[in-house]
Amino acid sequence: EPMSGPGRDPLTVESIVILARRMSEALAQVHGNNLLHRDIKPSNIFLVDGDVARAKLVDFGVVRSQEARRDDDLTKTGMFIGTPLYTSPEQARSEHTMSAASDVWSLGVVLYEALTGVCPFKANHFSAVLARILFDEVAPLQVVAPHIPRGFSRLVDRMIQKDAFDRPVDGAELCEALSTIELLDTDSSGARPVAA
């Protein structure tokens, strides 16, 4: 079943950390094969039997080589590739080259939304979404959700930095960062469920 949707119970912080680890492992494999997924969003994260520990990254319909220039695979009509709400700033700017850090951004937005219940760049139309991605600063997770382990909230905040060089470089680096997350490192007692 998809990660999000009507009738789904909210995921706990612990479940979201497990999901993040699982998706970072998937990205490490994708990026290790010199590929970019380019369309990471909640509906492309499939929970086998509803289990975050068995989550799978699906829909590789717009995958491409990391070496390819962005204009090599655009349609002749200039169709946008990916899903606007989860698009990295470099995708929004239509940069000719993109790195694995673009997928890291998209996963960061998914995690931020799962932790807060709010997609940080939601807007009424396509161009407004892209403008928010390019110019809006997102409230740090430690401010909006102080119950989240500090190391995890700092990592998710880092994943959605506007400059790709300020993010984990790829899925492998993200895996390494997630391996050090302490779930008990919070500003309040006890973990509590958060919206997905």
N, C-alpha and C. Protein backbone atom coordinates (compact mmCIF):
# COMPACT_ATOMS: atom_id res chain seq x y z
N GLU A 1 0.84 -1.18 0.00
CA GLU A 1 0.00 0.00 0.00
C GLU A 1 0.88 1.24 0.00
N PRO A 2 0.40 2.36 -0.61
CA PRO A 2 1.20 3.58 -0.63
C PRO A 2 1.41 4.11 0.79
N MET A 3 2.48 4.86 0.97
CA MET A 3 2.83 5.41 2.28
C MET A 3 1.75 6.33 2.83
N SER A 4 1.09 7.07 1.97
CA SER A 4 0.08 8.02 2.43
C SER A 4 -1.23 7.75 1.71
N GLY A 5 -2.29 8.27 2.26
CA GLY A 5 -3.58 8.12 1.62
C GLY A 5 -4.69 8.15 2.65
N PRO A 6 -5.94 8.25 2.17
CA PRO A 6 -7.05 8.31 3.09
C PRO A 6 -7.14 7.08 3.97
N GLY A 7 -7.42 7.28 5.25
CA GLY A 7 -7.61 6.16 6.15
C GLY A 7 -6.34 5.60 6.74
N ARG A 8 -5.16 6.09 6.29
CA ARG A 8 -3.90 5.60 6.87
C ARG A 8 -3.68 6.22 8.24
N ASP A 9 -3.29 5.41 9.20
CA ASP A 9 -2.94 5.93 10.52
C ASP A 9 -1.63 6.72 10.40
N PRO A 10 -1.49 7.79 11.20
CA PRO A 10 -0.22 8.53 11.19
C PRO A 10 0.94 7.62 11.60
N LEU A 11 2.10 7.87 11.04
CA LEU A 11 3.29 7.11 11.41
C LEU A 11 3.91 7.73 12.66
N THR A 12 4.48 6.91 13.52
CA THR A 12 5.21 7.42 14.67
C THR A 12 6.56 7.92 14.21
N VAL A 13 7.22 8.70 15.06
CA VAL A 13 8.56 9.19 14.73
C VAL A 13 9.48 8.00 14.49
N GLU A 14 9.38 6.97 15.35
CA GLU A 14 10.24 5.79 15.18
C GLU A 14 10.03 5.15 13.81
N SER A 15 8.76 5.06 13.38
CA SER A 15 8.46 4.48 12.07
C SER A 15 9.03 5.32 10.94
N ILE A 16 8.99 6.64 11.11
CA ILE A 16 9.50 7.52 10.07
C ILE A 16 11.02 7.40 9.97
N VAL A 17 11.69 7.23 11.11
CA VAL A 17 13.15 7.02 11.08
C VAL A 17 13.46 5.70 10.36
N ILE A 18 12.69 4.65 10.66
CA ILE A 18 12.89 3.36 9.98
C ILE A 18 12.66 3.52 8.48
N LEU A 19 11.60 4.24 8.12
CA LEU A 19 11.29 4.50 6.71
C LEU A 19 12.44 5.27 6.05
N ALA A 20 12.96 6.26 6.74
CA ALA A 20 14.07 7.06 6.20
C ALA A 20 15.28 6.17 5.94
N ARG A 21 15.56 5.27 6.88
CA ARG A 21 16.71 4.36 6.69
C ARG A 21 16.48 3.46 5.49
N ARG A 22 15.27 2.93 5.37
CA ARG A 22 14.93 2.03 4.26
C ARG A 22 15.05 2.75 2.91
N MET A 23 14.53 3.98 2.85
CA MET A 23 14.59 4.74 1.60
C MET A 23 16.01 5.20 1.28
N SER A 24 16.81 5.49 2.31
CA SER A 24 18.20 5.88 2.05
C SER A 24 18.98 4.69 1.49
N GLU A 25 18.65 3.48 1.96
CA GLU A 25 19.28 2.27 1.41
C GLU A 25 18.89 2.10 -0.06
N ALA A 26 17.61 2.35 -0.36
CA ALA A 26 17.16 2.25 -1.76
C ALA A 26 17.89 3.27 -2.63
N LEU A 27 18.00 4.50 -2.12
CA LEU A 27 18.70 5.54 -2.88
C LEU A 27 20.18 5.22 -3.03
N ALA A 28 20.77 4.63 -2.01
CA ALA A 28 22.19 4.25 -2.11
C ALA A 28 22.39 3.27 -3.27
N GLN A 29 21.44 2.34 -3.44
CA GLN A 29 21.53 1.40 -4.57
C GLN A 29 21.33 2.12 -5.90
N VAL A 30 20.32 2.98 -5.97
CA VAL A 30 20.06 3.73 -7.21
C VAL A 30 21.28 4.56 -7.57
N HIS A 31 21.76 5.35 -6.60
CA HIS A 31 22.89 6.25 -6.87
C HIS A 31 24.18 5.47 -7.10
N GLY A 32 24.32 4.32 -6.43
CA GLY A 32 25.49 3.46 -6.65
C GLY A 32 25.56 2.92 -8.06
N ASN A 33 24.40 2.87 -8.73
CA ASN A 33 24.35 2.45 -10.13
C ASN A 33 24.39 3.65 -11.08
N ASN A 34 24.79 4.80 -10.52
CA ASN A 34 24.95 6.03 -11.31
C ASN A 34 23.62 6.53 -11.90
N LEU A 35 22.53 6.30 -11.18
CA LEU A 35 21.21 6.72 -11.65
C LEU A 35 20.59 7.72 -10.69
N LEU A 36 19.59 8.46 -11.19
CA LEU A 36 18.77 9.35 -10.38
C LEU A 36 17.32 8.88 -10.51
N HIS A 37 16.58 8.85 -9.40
CA HIS A 37 15.17 8.43 -9.45
C HIS A 37 14.30 9.56 -10.01
N ARG A 38 14.44 10.76 -9.48
CA ARG A 38 13.81 12.00 -9.94
C ARG A 38 12.33 12.15 -9.65
N ASP A 39 11.69 11.19 -8.98
CA ASP A 39 10.27 11.37 -8.67
C ASP A 39 9.92 10.72 -7.32
N ILE A 40 10.67 11.09 -6.29
CA ILE A 40 10.40 10.56 -4.95
C ILE A 40 9.27 11.38 -4.34
N LYS A 41 8.22 10.69 -3.96
CA LYS A 41 7.04 11.30 -3.34
C LYS A 41 6.32 10.21 -2.56
N PRO A 42 5.40 10.59 -1.66
CA PRO A 42 4.75 9.57 -0.83
C PRO A 42 4.11 8.43 -1.63
N SER A 43 3.47 8.74 -2.75
CA SER A 43 2.79 7.68 -3.51
C SER A 43 3.76 6.74 -4.22
N ASN A 44 5.06 7.09 -4.27
CA ASN A 44 6.07 6.20 -4.85
C ASN A 44 6.84 5.44 -3.77
N ILE A 45 6.35 5.51 -2.54
CA ILE A 45 6.91 4.71 -1.45
C ILE A 45 5.84 3.71 -1.05
N PHE A 46 6.11 2.46 -1.31
CA PHE A 46 5.12 1.39 -1.11
C PHE A 46 5.47 0.61 0.15
N LEU A 47 4.52 0.52 1.08
CA LEU A 47 4.73 -0.22 2.32
C LEU A 47 4.16 -1.62 2.14
N VAL A 48 5.03 -2.61 2.05
CA VAL A 48 4.59 -4.00 1.88
C VAL A 48 3.88 -4.42 3.16
N ASP A 49 2.62 -4.82 3.04
CA ASP A 49 1.78 -5.19 4.19
C ASP A 49 1.75 -4.09 5.24
N GLY A 50 1.88 -2.83 4.81
CA GLY A 50 1.82 -1.70 5.73
C GLY A 50 3.04 -1.54 6.62
N ASP A 51 4.12 -2.28 6.34
CA ASP A 51 5.30 -2.33 7.20
C ASP A 51 6.39 -1.38 6.67
N VAL A 52 6.74 -0.36 7.47
CA VAL A 52 7.77 0.59 7.03
C VAL A 52 9.13 -0.09 6.86
N ALA A 53 9.38 -1.14 7.62
CA ALA A 53 10.66 -1.85 7.51
C ALA A 53 10.78 -2.60 6.19
N ARG A 54 9.66 -2.76 5.48
CA ARG A 54 9.68 -3.44 4.18
C ARG A 54 9.30 -2.47 3.04
N ALA A 55 9.43 -1.18 3.31
CA ALA A 55 9.07 -0.17 2.31
C ALA A 55 9.92 -0.31 1.06
N LYS A 56 9.29 -0.05 -0.07
CA LYS A 56 9.99 -0.13 -1.35
C LYS A 56 9.79 1.18 -2.11
N LEU A 57 10.85 1.63 -2.76
CA LEU A 57 10.77 2.78 -3.64
C LEU A 57 10.33 2.26 -5.00
N VAL A 58 9.23 2.80 -5.53
CA VAL A 58 8.69 2.30 -6.79
C VAL A 58 8.64 3.42 -7.84
N ASP A 59 8.18 3.07 -9.02
CA ASP A 59 7.99 3.96 -10.15
C ASP A 59 9.31 4.59 -10.61
N PHE A 60 10.02 3.81 -11.41
CA PHE A 60 11.28 4.28 -11.96
C PHE A 60 11.09 4.78 -13.40
N GLY A 61 9.89 5.31 -13.67
CA GLY A 61 9.54 5.74 -15.03
C GLY A 61 10.33 6.91 -15.56
N VAL A 62 10.90 7.74 -14.67
CA VAL A 62 11.67 8.90 -15.15
C VAL A 62 13.12 8.84 -14.68
N VAL A 63 13.57 7.63 -14.31
CA VAL A 63 14.97 7.46 -13.89
C VAL A 63 15.89 7.80 -15.05
N ARG A 64 17.08 8.28 -14.72
CA ARG A 64 18.07 8.53 -15.77
C ARG A 64 19.47 8.51 -15.20
N SER A 65 20.44 8.44 -16.07
CA SER A 65 21.84 8.42 -15.68
C SER A 65 22.23 9.76 -15.06
N GLN A 66 23.11 9.71 -14.07
CA GLN A 66 23.59 10.96 -13.46
C GLN A 66 24.41 11.79 -14.43
N GLU A 67 24.95 11.16 -15.46
CA GLU A 67 25.76 11.91 -16.43
C GLU A 67 24.92 12.65 -17.47
N ALA A 68 23.68 12.20 -17.66
CA ALA A 68 22.86 12.79 -18.72
C ALA A 68 22.56 14.25 -18.41
N ARG A 69 22.57 15.06 -19.42
CA ARG A 69 22.14 16.45 -19.25
C ARG A 69 20.62 16.46 -19.18
N ARG A 70 20.08 17.41 -18.41
CA ARG A 70 18.63 17.44 -18.21
C ARG A 70 17.89 17.56 -19.54
N ASP A 71 18.44 18.32 -20.50
CA ASP A 71 17.72 18.53 -21.76
C ASP A 71 17.81 17.33 -22.69
N ASP A 72 18.64 16.34 -22.36
CA ASP A 72 18.72 15.14 -23.18
C ASP A 72 17.42 14.34 -23.15
N ASP A 73 16.69 14.43 -22.04
CA ASP A 73 15.51 13.58 -21.93
C ASP A 73 14.21 14.36 -21.73
N LEU A 74 14.24 15.66 -21.88
CA LEU A 74 12.99 16.41 -21.84
C LEU A 74 12.21 16.12 -23.11
N THR A 75 10.91 16.11 -22.99
CA THR A 75 10.10 15.92 -24.19
C THR A 75 10.25 17.16 -25.05
N LYS A 76 9.89 17.03 -26.31
CA LYS A 76 10.01 18.17 -27.22
C LYS A 76 9.07 19.30 -26.83
N THR A 77 8.02 18.99 -26.06
CA THR A 77 7.09 20.04 -25.63
C THR A 77 7.58 20.73 -24.36
N GLY A 78 8.72 20.30 -23.81
CA GLY A 78 9.26 20.92 -22.61
C GLY A 78 8.52 20.49 -21.35
N MET A 79 7.89 19.32 -21.38
CA MET A 79 7.12 18.83 -20.25
C MET A 79 7.99 18.72 -19.00
N PHE A 80 7.42 19.12 -17.86
CA PHE A 80 8.14 19.05 -16.58
C PHE A 80 8.27 17.60 -16.15
N ILE A 81 9.47 17.22 -15.66
CA ILE A 81 9.71 15.86 -15.18
C ILE A 81 9.68 15.87 -13.66
N GLY A 82 8.93 14.93 -13.06
CA GLY A 82 8.87 14.84 -11.61
C GLY A 82 7.54 15.35 -11.07
N THR A 83 7.46 15.52 -9.76
CA THR A 83 6.25 15.99 -9.10
C THR A 83 6.58 17.30 -8.40
N PRO A 84 5.91 18.40 -8.79
CA PRO A 84 6.30 19.73 -8.32
C PRO A 84 6.53 19.87 -6.81
N LEU A 85 5.64 19.35 -5.96
CA LEU A 85 5.76 19.54 -4.51
C LEU A 85 7.06 18.98 -3.94
N TYR A 86 7.65 18.00 -4.62
CA TYR A 86 8.84 17.31 -4.10
C TYR A 86 10.07 17.57 -4.96
N THR A 87 9.98 18.56 -5.84
CA THR A 87 11.04 18.91 -6.78
C THR A 87 12.13 19.72 -6.09
N SER A 88 13.36 19.39 -6.36
CA SER A 88 14.48 20.14 -5.77
C SER A 88 14.61 21.52 -6.43
N PRO A 89 15.27 22.45 -5.76
CA PRO A 89 15.46 23.78 -6.38
C PRO A 89 16.18 23.70 -7.73
N GLU A 90 17.15 22.78 -7.83
CA GLU A 90 17.86 22.68 -9.11
C GLU A 90 16.95 22.15 -10.22
N GLN A 91 16.00 21.27 -9.88
CA GLN A 91 15.00 20.83 -10.87
C GLN A 91 14.09 22.00 -11.22
N ALA A 92 13.67 22.75 -10.21
CA ALA A 92 12.77 23.88 -10.43
C ALA A 92 13.42 24.93 -11.33
N ARG A 93 14.74 25.09 -11.21
CA ARG A 93 15.46 26.06 -12.05
C ARG A 93 15.77 25.49 -13.43
N SER A 94 15.40 24.24 -13.68
CA SER A 94 15.68 23.56 -14.96
C SER A 94 17.17 23.54 -15.27
N GLU A 95 17.97 23.29 -14.23
CA GLU A 95 19.42 23.21 -14.46
C GLU A 95 19.73 22.03 -15.37
N HIS A 96 20.76 22.18 -16.17
CA HIS A 96 21.10 21.14 -17.16
C HIS A 96 21.68 19.89 -16.52
N THR A 97 22.33 20.04 -15.38
CA THR A 97 22.87 18.87 -14.71
C THR A 97 22.27 18.79 -13.31
N MET A 98 22.06 17.58 -12.85
CA MET A 98 21.57 17.36 -11.50
C MET A 98 22.38 16.24 -10.86
N SER A 99 22.44 16.28 -9.54
CA SER A 99 23.19 15.27 -8.81
C SER A 99 22.24 14.44 -7.96
N ALA A 100 22.79 13.45 -7.30
CA ALA A 100 22.01 12.60 -6.40
C ALA A 100 21.42 13.41 -5.25
N ALA A 101 22.00 14.56 -4.94
CA ALA A 101 21.48 15.42 -3.87
C ALA A 101 20.06 15.90 -4.18
N SER A 102 19.66 15.86 -5.45
CA SER A 102 18.30 16.22 -5.83
C SER A 102 17.30 15.19 -5.28
N ASP A 103 17.64 13.90 -5.37
CA ASP A 103 16.80 12.84 -4.78
C ASP A 103 16.78 12.96 -3.26
N VAL A 104 17.91 13.34 -2.67
CA VAL A 104 17.99 13.53 -1.22
C VAL A 104 17.01 14.62 -0.79
N TRP A 105 16.96 15.72 -1.55
CA TRP A 105 16.00 16.80 -1.28
C TRP A 105 14.57 16.25 -1.28
N SER A 106 14.21 15.54 -2.33
CA SER A 106 12.84 15.03 -2.46
C SER A 106 12.46 14.14 -1.28
N LEU A 107 13.36 13.26 -0.88
CA LEU A 107 13.10 12.41 0.27
C LEU A 107 12.98 13.27 1.53
N GLY A 108 13.79 14.30 1.65
CA GLY A 108 13.71 15.21 2.80
C GLY A 108 12.35 15.86 2.91
N VAL A 109 11.79 16.28 1.77
CA VAL A 109 10.46 16.90 1.77
C VAL A 109 9.41 15.87 2.20
N VAL A 110 9.53 14.64 1.71
CA VAL A 110 8.60 13.57 2.11
C VAL A 110 8.67 13.36 3.63
N LEU A 111 9.88 13.30 4.18
CA LEU A 111 10.05 13.08 5.62
C LEU A 111 9.52 14.26 6.43
N TYR A 112 9.79 15.47 5.98
CA TYR A 112 9.30 16.68 6.66
C TYR A 112 7.77 16.63 6.73
N GLU A 113 7.16 16.28 5.61
CA GLU A 113 5.70 16.19 5.55
C GLU A 113 5.18 15.08 6.48
N ALA A 114 5.86 13.94 6.50
CA ALA A 114 5.43 12.84 7.36
C ALA A 114 5.53 13.23 8.84
N LEU A 115 6.54 14.01 9.18
CA LEU A 115 6.78 14.40 10.57
C LEU A 115 5.87 15.53 11.05
N THR A 116 5.45 16.39 10.13
CA THR A 116 4.66 17.58 10.54
C THR A 116 3.22 17.54 10.07
N GLY A 117 2.93 16.71 9.07
CA GLY A 117 1.59 16.69 8.48
C GLY A 117 1.39 17.79 7.45
N VAL A 118 2.46 18.53 7.15
CA VAL A 118 2.36 19.67 6.22
C VAL A 118 3.43 19.55 5.15
N CYS A 119 3.01 19.61 3.89
CA CYS A 119 3.99 19.66 2.80
C CYS A 119 4.51 21.09 2.75
N PRO A 120 5.81 21.31 2.94
CA PRO A 120 6.33 22.66 3.13
C PRO A 120 6.19 23.61 1.94
N PHE A 121 5.93 23.10 0.75
CA PHE A 121 5.88 23.98 -0.42
C PHE A 121 4.52 23.99 -1.11
N LYS A 122 3.49 23.56 -0.39
CA LYS A 122 2.15 23.49 -0.97
C LYS A 122 1.69 24.89 -1.40
N ALA A 123 1.10 24.95 -2.59
CA ALA A 123 0.55 26.20 -3.12
C ALA A 123 -0.55 25.84 -4.10
N ASN A 124 -1.28 26.84 -4.55
CA ASN A 124 -2.47 26.59 -5.38
C ASN A 124 -2.18 26.25 -6.83
N HIS A 125 -1.02 26.61 -7.34
CA HIS A 125 -0.73 26.26 -8.73
C HIS A 125 0.76 26.01 -8.93
N PHE A 126 1.06 25.39 -10.03
CA PHE A 126 2.39 24.90 -10.37
C PHE A 126 3.48 25.96 -10.17
N SER A 127 3.31 27.14 -10.77
CA SER A 127 4.37 28.16 -10.68
C SER A 127 4.55 28.66 -9.26
N ALA A 128 3.48 28.70 -8.48
CA ALA A 128 3.59 29.14 -7.07
C ALA A 128 4.36 28.11 -6.26
N VAL A 129 4.15 26.82 -6.54
CA VAL A 129 4.90 25.76 -5.86
C VAL A 129 6.40 25.94 -6.16
N LEU A 130 6.74 26.12 -7.43
CA LEU A 130 8.15 26.27 -7.80
C LEU A 130 8.75 27.52 -7.17
N ALA A 131 7.99 28.62 -7.10
CA ALA A 131 8.48 29.85 -6.46
C ALA A 131 8.75 29.60 -4.98
N ARG A 132 7.87 28.87 -4.31
CA ARG A 132 8.07 28.58 -2.88
C ARG A 132 9.32 27.72 -2.69
N ILE A 133 9.52 26.74 -3.57
CA ILE A 133 10.71 25.88 -3.48
C ILE A 133 11.98 26.72 -3.63
N LEU A 134 11.95 27.66 -4.54
CA LEU A 134 13.13 28.47 -4.81
C LEU A 134 13.39 29.54 -3.75
N PHE A 135 12.32 30.10 -3.16
CA PHE A 135 12.52 31.29 -2.33
C PHE A 135 12.07 31.17 -0.87
N ASP A 136 11.14 30.30 -0.55
CA ASP A 136 10.65 30.21 0.83
C ASP A 136 11.62 29.44 1.72
N GLU A 137 11.81 29.96 2.92
CA GLU A 137 12.57 29.25 3.93
C GLU A 137 11.59 28.39 4.73
N VAL A 138 11.95 27.14 4.96
CA VAL A 138 11.10 26.22 5.70
C VAL A 138 11.43 26.35 7.19
N ALA A 139 10.39 26.38 8.02
CA ALA A 139 10.61 26.44 9.47
C ALA A 139 11.37 25.20 9.91
N PRO A 140 12.44 25.36 10.69
CA PRO A 140 13.21 24.19 11.13
C PRO A 140 12.33 23.23 11.92
N LEU A 141 12.58 21.95 11.75
CA LEU A 141 11.78 20.93 12.44
C LEU A 141 11.86 21.07 13.96
N GLN A 142 13.01 21.47 14.48
CA GLN A 142 13.15 21.60 15.93
C GLN A 142 12.19 22.65 16.49
N VAL A 143 11.81 23.61 15.65
CA VAL A 143 10.86 24.65 16.05
C VAL A 143 9.43 24.14 15.95
N VAL A 144 9.09 23.53 14.79
CA VAL A 144 7.70 23.08 14.58
C VAL A 144 7.37 21.78 15.28
N ALA A 145 8.36 20.94 15.51
CA ALA A 145 8.11 19.62 16.11
C ALA A 145 9.25 19.27 17.07
N PRO A 146 9.30 19.94 18.24
CA PRO A 146 10.43 19.72 19.16
C PRO A 146 10.50 18.32 19.76
N HIS A 147 9.44 17.52 19.59
CA HIS A 147 9.45 16.15 20.13
C HIS A 147 10.27 15.19 19.27
N ILE A 148 10.70 15.63 18.10
CA ILE A 148 11.47 14.77 17.19
C ILE A 148 12.92 14.73 17.66
N PRO A 149 13.56 13.57 17.63
CA PRO A 149 14.98 13.50 18.02
C PRO A 149 15.80 14.57 17.30
N ARG A 150 16.62 15.29 18.06
CA ARG A 150 17.35 16.44 17.50
C ARG A 150 18.23 16.05 16.31
N GLY A 151 18.92 14.92 16.42
CA GLY A 151 19.79 14.51 15.31
C GLY A 151 19.00 14.25 14.04
N PHE A 152 17.82 13.66 14.19
CA PHE A 152 16.98 13.37 13.02
C PHE A 152 16.41 14.66 12.44
N SER A 153 15.93 15.56 13.30
CA SER A 153 15.36 16.81 12.77
C SER A 153 16.44 17.64 12.07
N ARG A 154 17.66 17.66 12.63
CA ARG A 154 18.75 18.40 11.98
C ARG A 154 19.08 17.78 10.62
N LEU A 155 19.06 16.45 10.53
CA LEU A 155 19.37 15.78 9.26
C LEU A 155 18.30 16.09 8.21
N VAL A 156 17.02 16.01 8.60
CA VAL A 156 15.95 16.30 7.64
C VAL A 156 16.05 17.76 7.19
N ASP A 157 16.32 18.67 8.13
CA ASP A 157 16.51 20.09 7.76
C ASP A 157 17.66 20.23 6.76
N ARG A 158 18.73 19.46 6.98
CA ARG A 158 19.88 19.50 6.07
C ARG A 158 19.52 18.96 4.68
N MET A 159 18.64 17.96 4.65
CA MET A 159 18.24 17.36 3.37
C MET A 159 17.51 18.35 2.49
N ILE A 160 16.85 19.35 3.10
CA ILE A 160 16.08 20.31 2.30
C ILE A 160 16.71 21.70 2.28
N GLN A 161 18.04 21.72 2.32
CA GLN A 161 18.76 22.98 2.12
C GLN A 161 18.69 23.34 0.64
N LYS A 162 18.52 24.62 0.35
CA LYS A 162 18.39 25.08 -1.04
C LYS A 162 19.62 24.72 -1.88
N ASP A 163 20.80 24.88 -1.30
CA ASP A 163 22.03 24.60 -2.02
C ASP A 163 22.35 23.10 -1.92
N ALA A 164 22.45 22.45 -3.07
CA ALA A 164 22.70 21.00 -3.10
C ALA A 164 23.98 20.64 -2.35
N PHE A 165 24.95 21.54 -2.29
CA PHE A 165 26.22 21.25 -1.61
C PHE A 165 26.07 21.21 -0.09
N ASP A 166 24.96 21.72 0.43
CA ASP A 166 24.71 21.70 1.87
C ASP A 166 23.95 20.45 2.32
N ARG A 167 23.54 19.61 1.35
CA ARG A 167 22.80 18.38 1.66
C ARG A 167 23.74 17.17 1.69
N PRO A 168 23.28 16.05 2.27
CA PRO A 168 24.04 14.81 2.05
C PRO A 168 24.17 14.60 0.54
N VAL A 169 25.35 14.15 0.11
CA VAL A 169 25.64 14.10 -1.32
C VAL A 169 24.81 13.05 -2.06
N ASP A 170 24.46 11.93 -1.37
CA ASP A 170 23.73 10.86 -2.04
C ASP A 170 23.14 9.91 -1.00
N GLY A 171 22.52 8.84 -1.48
CA GLY A 171 21.89 7.87 -0.59
C GLY A 171 22.87 7.22 0.36
N ALA A 172 24.10 6.97 -0.07
CA ALA A 172 25.09 6.33 0.79
C ALA A 172 25.45 7.22 1.96
N GLU A 173 25.67 8.51 1.70
CA GLU A 173 25.99 9.44 2.79
C GLU A 173 24.79 9.60 3.73
N LEU A 174 23.60 9.57 3.16
CA LEU A 174 22.39 9.66 3.97
C LEU A 174 22.26 8.43 4.88
N CYS A 175 22.54 7.24 4.35
CA CYS A 175 22.54 6.01 5.15
C CYS A 175 23.48 6.14 6.33
N GLU A 176 24.68 6.64 6.06
CA GLU A 176 25.68 6.78 7.11
C GLU A 176 25.20 7.75 8.19
N ALA A 177 24.62 8.87 7.78
CA ALA A 177 24.12 9.86 8.75
C ALA A 177 22.97 9.27 9.58
N LEU A 178 22.08 8.52 8.94
CA LEU A 178 20.94 7.93 9.66
C LEU A 178 21.37 6.85 10.64
N SER A 179 22.50 6.21 10.39
CA SER A 179 22.95 5.13 11.27
C SER A 179 23.35 5.65 12.64
N THR A 180 23.55 6.96 12.77
CA THR A 180 23.97 7.53 14.04
C THR A 180 22.83 8.19 14.82
N ILE A 181 21.61 8.15 14.26
CA ILE A 181 20.46 8.84 14.89
C ILE A 181 20.07 8.14 16.19
N GLU A 182 19.93 8.93 17.24
CA GLU A 182 19.47 8.43 18.54
C GLU A 182 18.00 8.81 18.70
N LEU A 183 17.14 7.81 18.88
CA LEU A 183 15.71 8.09 19.01
C LEU A 183 15.32 8.73 20.33
N LEU A 184 16.15 8.64 21.34
CA LEU A 184 15.79 9.20 22.64
C LEU A 184 16.26 10.64 22.80
N ASP A 185 16.92 11.19 21.81
CA ASP A 185 17.47 12.54 21.87
C ASP A 185 16.42 13.57 21.48
N THR A 186 15.48 13.86 22.41
CA THR A 186 14.39 14.79 22.12
C THR A 186 14.34 15.91 23.14
N ASP A 187 13.51 16.92 22.84
CA ASP A 187 13.31 18.03 23.76
C ASP A 187 12.13 17.81 24.69
N SER A 188 11.39 16.74 24.49
CA SER A 188 10.25 16.46 25.38
C SER A 188 10.22 14.98 25.67
N SER A 189 9.49 14.61 26.71
CA SER A 189 9.49 13.20 27.09
C SER A 189 8.59 12.38 26.20
N GLY A 190 9.11 11.25 25.78
CA GLY A 190 8.31 10.28 25.03
C GLY A 190 8.09 10.66 23.58
N ALA A 191 8.03 9.64 22.74
CA ALA A 191 7.72 9.85 21.34
C ALA A 191 6.22 9.87 21.19
N ARG A 192 5.75 10.59 20.22
CA ARG A 192 4.31 10.61 19.99
C ARG A 192 4.05 10.48 18.51
N PRO A 193 2.85 10.01 18.14
CA PRO A 193 2.57 9.87 16.71
C PRO A 193 2.53 11.24 16.03
N VAL A 194 2.91 11.24 14.78
CA VAL A 194 2.81 12.45 13.98
C VAL A 194 2.06 12.13 12.71
N ALA A 195 1.57 13.15 12.07
CA ALA A 195 0.77 12.94 10.86
C ALA A 195 1.64 12.46 9.72
N ALA A 196 1.05 11.66 8.84
CA ALA A 196 1.78 11.22 7.66
C ALA A 196 1.31 11.98 6.45
